[in-house]
Amino acid sequence: MYGESMFVVMLGGLHIEMSFLRLIGDWLAGSGWAEAIAAANVTTEGRVDGLLKGSHVTRGQWAHQVSAAALYVLQKRAYAAYKEELTSEDTLDFDDWCNHMQVSHPQFNYSKVMKLQLLFLQFLRSQREANFQLYRSIGQDNSLDVCHGPYPLCEVAHYSCDRSAAASKSMSRNI
């Protein structure tokens, strides 16, 4: 009933969130994002470094929410302009167009950062709603390679699966 196999040791939500923010900050370092956020008056130039390092958690949540929303709006506008230029027979659907743009225009790789920001916002939602299924789905998302570097994000799938397996074993023993 008790023992090492029944415990799951993992980082708390705040520490995972800070690691997530550091990961996004590493991806955005040197990209001009910090200057754009400061120029848009989302935060001051002095606080941008803290956003990139993951030390300003609340400001980081808000800045990445604003950034992801702005990038999404710009992406949709660019797709609408693309559709207006071509006949309806020649247009790609939105996902195919995004993939084509990533291959043909290196600047379009911001969509990878946007996906990471959306994963971060999904993580926040899972924490606020105590939604374990949503939490597990974050670690199982294979659209981004987030396992490089000293970040625990890639471990979300592993220990969330271990945790659910341990919980089901515990429940079956108690029944």
Protein backbone atom coordinates (compact mmCIF):
# COMPACT_ATOMS: atom_id res chain seq x y z
CA MET A 1 0.00 0.00 0.00
CA TYR A 2 2.86 2.38 0.77
CA GLY A 3 6.34 2.57 -0.69
CA GLU A 4 8.51 4.28 -3.23
CA SER A 5 6.45 3.00 -6.15
CA MET A 6 3.41 4.88 -4.85
CA PHE A 7 5.01 8.35 -4.85
CA VAL A 8 5.60 10.64 -7.76
CA VAL A 9 8.16 13.39 -7.28
CA MET A 10 7.77 16.31 -9.63
CA LEU A 11 8.23 20.04 -9.80
CA GLY A 12 5.35 22.20 -8.70
CA GLY A 13 3.28 24.25 -11.09
CA LEU A 14 5.20 27.49 -10.42
CA HIS A 15 8.58 25.92 -11.15
CA ILE A 16 7.33 24.25 -14.32
CA GLU A 17 5.86 27.59 -15.36
CA MET A 18 9.16 29.37 -14.72
CA SER A 19 10.99 26.71 -16.75
CA PHE A 20 8.47 27.14 -19.54
CA LEU A 21 9.09 30.90 -19.51
CA ARG A 22 12.87 30.37 -19.60
CA LEU A 23 12.48 28.00 -22.55
CA ILE A 24 10.39 30.54 -24.47
CA GLY A 25 12.89 33.24 -23.49
CA ASP A 26 15.77 31.18 -24.86
CA TRP A 27 13.90 30.69 -28.14
CA LEU A 28 13.15 34.42 -28.37
CA ALA A 29 16.58 35.72 -27.30
CA GLY A 30 18.08 37.87 -30.03
CA SER A 31 14.97 37.71 -32.21
CA GLY A 32 13.80 41.26 -31.66
CA TRP A 33 10.83 40.12 -29.56
CA ALA A 34 12.08 41.93 -26.45
CA GLU A 35 12.44 45.19 -28.35
CA ALA A 36 9.00 44.78 -29.94
CA ILE A 37 7.35 44.10 -26.56
CA ALA A 38 9.00 47.19 -25.08
CA ALA A 39 8.13 49.34 -28.12
CA ALA A 40 4.48 48.21 -27.90
CA ASN A 41 4.41 49.33 -24.24
CA VAL A 42 3.56 45.83 -23.04
CA THR A 43 6.38 46.27 -20.53
CA THR A 44 9.37 48.53 -19.99
CA GLU A 45 12.83 47.89 -21.43
CA GLY A 46 14.17 47.24 -17.93
CA ARG A 47 11.70 44.42 -17.31
CA VAL A 48 12.08 42.66 -20.65
CA ASP A 49 15.20 40.81 -19.48
CA GLY A 50 13.19 39.36 -16.59
CA LEU A 51 10.58 38.12 -19.06
CA LEU A 52 13.23 36.32 -21.10
CA LYS A 53 14.73 34.73 -17.98
CA GLY A 54 11.36 33.62 -16.62
CA SER A 55 11.69 35.56 -13.37
CA HIS A 56 8.61 37.77 -13.88
CA VAL A 57 5.95 35.09 -13.94
CA THR A 58 2.77 37.19 -13.99
CA ARG A 59 4.20 39.68 -16.48
CA GLY A 60 5.48 36.78 -18.56
CA GLN A 61 2.03 35.20 -18.69
CA TRP A 62 0.50 38.43 -19.91
CA ALA A 63 3.30 39.28 -22.36
CA HIS A 64 3.15 35.86 -24.01
CA GLN A 65 -0.63 35.97 -24.18
CA VAL A 66 -0.46 39.36 -25.92
CA SER A 67 2.37 38.19 -28.17
CA ALA A 68 0.62 34.97 -29.23
CA ALA A 69 -2.62 36.84 -29.93
CA ALA A 70 -0.80 39.47 -32.02
CA LEU A 71 1.10 36.83 -34.00
CA TYR A 72 -2.10 34.91 -34.66
CA VAL A 73 -3.88 38.03 -35.94
CA LEU A 74 -0.94 38.84 -38.22
CA GLN A 75 -0.83 35.26 -39.48
CA LYS A 76 -4.55 35.31 -40.30
CA ARG A 77 -4.19 38.66 -42.10
CA ALA A 78 -1.31 37.33 -44.19
CA TYR A 79 -3.36 34.25 -45.11
CA ALA A 80 -6.32 36.42 -46.09
CA ALA A 81 -4.03 38.53 -48.32
CA TYR A 82 -2.65 35.33 -49.87
CA LYS A 83 -6.17 34.08 -50.65
CA GLU A 84 -7.10 37.39 -52.29
CA GLU A 85 -4.08 37.23 -54.61
CA LEU A 86 -4.87 33.79 -56.03
CA THR A 87 -7.90 32.18 -57.57
CA SER A 88 -9.91 29.90 -55.32
CA GLU A 89 -8.62 26.81 -57.16
CA ASP A 90 -4.97 27.54 -56.41
CA THR A 91 -5.18 28.41 -52.70
CA LEU A 92 -3.87 26.14 -49.99
CA ASP A 93 -5.78 25.56 -46.79
CA PHE A 94 -4.48 27.41 -43.73
CA ASP A 95 -2.31 24.60 -42.29
CA ASP A 96 -0.74 23.74 -45.65
CA TRP A 97 -0.11 27.43 -46.30
CA CYS A 98 1.64 27.76 -42.91
CA ASN A 99 3.85 24.74 -43.67
CA HIS A 100 4.67 26.12 -47.12
CA MET A 101 5.54 29.52 -45.66
CA GLN A 102 7.84 27.99 -43.04
CA VAL A 103 9.80 26.21 -45.75
CA SER A 104 9.99 29.09 -48.20
CA HIS A 105 10.43 31.99 -45.74
CA PRO A 106 12.69 31.52 -42.68
CA GLN A 107 11.10 34.57 -41.04
CA PHE A 108 7.84 32.64 -40.83
CA ASN A 109 9.32 30.35 -38.19
CA TYR A 110 7.76 32.62 -35.57
CA SER A 111 4.82 30.22 -35.76
CA LYS A 112 6.92 27.69 -33.82
CA VAL A 113 7.32 30.24 -31.04
CA MET A 114 3.60 30.92 -31.20
CA LYS A 115 2.90 27.18 -30.79
CA LEU A 116 5.19 27.10 -27.76
CA GLN A 117 3.44 30.15 -26.31
CA LEU A 118 0.08 28.44 -26.84
CA LEU A 119 1.38 25.31 -25.09
CA PHE A 120 2.42 27.55 -22.21
CA LEU A 121 -1.04 29.12 -22.05
CA GLN A 122 -2.58 25.64 -22.21
CA PHE A 123 -0.39 24.64 -19.25
CA LEU A 124 -1.62 27.67 -17.30
CA ARG A 125 -5.20 26.73 -18.03
CA SER A 126 -4.63 23.14 -16.89
CA GLN A 127 -3.20 24.43 -13.61
CA ARG A 128 -5.99 26.93 -12.98
CA GLU A 129 -8.76 24.44 -13.77
CA ALA A 130 -7.00 21.47 -12.13
CA ASN A 131 -7.54 19.62 -15.41
CA PHE A 132 -5.17 16.66 -15.38
CA GLN A 133 -6.20 15.42 -18.84
CA LEU A 134 -5.32 18.81 -20.34
CA TYR A 135 -2.03 18.75 -18.42
CA ARG A 136 -1.16 15.34 -19.86
CA SER A 137 -2.00 16.44 -23.41
CA ILE A 138 0.65 19.17 -23.20
CA GLY A 139 3.45 16.66 -22.70
CA GLN A 140 2.12 14.47 -25.49
CA ASP A 141 2.16 17.26 -28.09
CA ASN A 142 4.80 16.26 -30.63
CA SER A 143 4.48 19.33 -32.84
CA LEU A 144 7.50 20.95 -31.17
CA ASP A 145 10.79 19.52 -30.04
CA VAL A 146 10.99 20.97 -26.54
CA CYS A 147 13.17 18.32 -24.94
CA HIS A 148 16.47 20.02 -25.67
CA GLY A 149 18.09 21.96 -22.87
CA PRO A 150 17.84 21.79 -19.10
CA TYR A 151 14.05 22.19 -19.02
CA PRO A 152 11.59 19.78 -17.43
CA LEU A 153 8.92 20.42 -20.04
CA CYS A 154 9.72 17.24 -21.94
CA GLU A 155 9.17 15.32 -18.72
CA VAL A 156 5.51 16.37 -18.44
CA ALA A 157 4.34 13.41 -20.52
CA HIS A 158 6.56 10.97 -18.64
CA TYR A 159 5.66 11.79 -15.08
CA SER A 160 2.05 12.57 -15.85
CA CYS A 161 1.69 9.10 -17.40
CA ASP A 162 3.56 7.56 -14.47
CA ARG A 163 1.34 9.45 -12.06
CA SER A 164 -1.87 8.27 -13.70
CA ALA A 165 -0.57 4.70 -13.79
CA ALA A 166 0.37 4.87 -10.11
CA ALA A 167 -3.02 6.37 -9.27
CA SER A 168 -4.87 3.63 -11.14
CA LYS A 169 -2.77 0.94 -9.38
CA SER A 170 -3.55 2.55 -6.04
CA MET A 171 -7.26 2.75 -6.85
CA SER A 172 -7.39 -0.88 -7.95
CA ARG A 173 -5.71 -2.00 -4.71
CA ASN A 174 -8.18 -0.04 -2.60
CA ILE A 175 -11.27 -1.47 -4.37
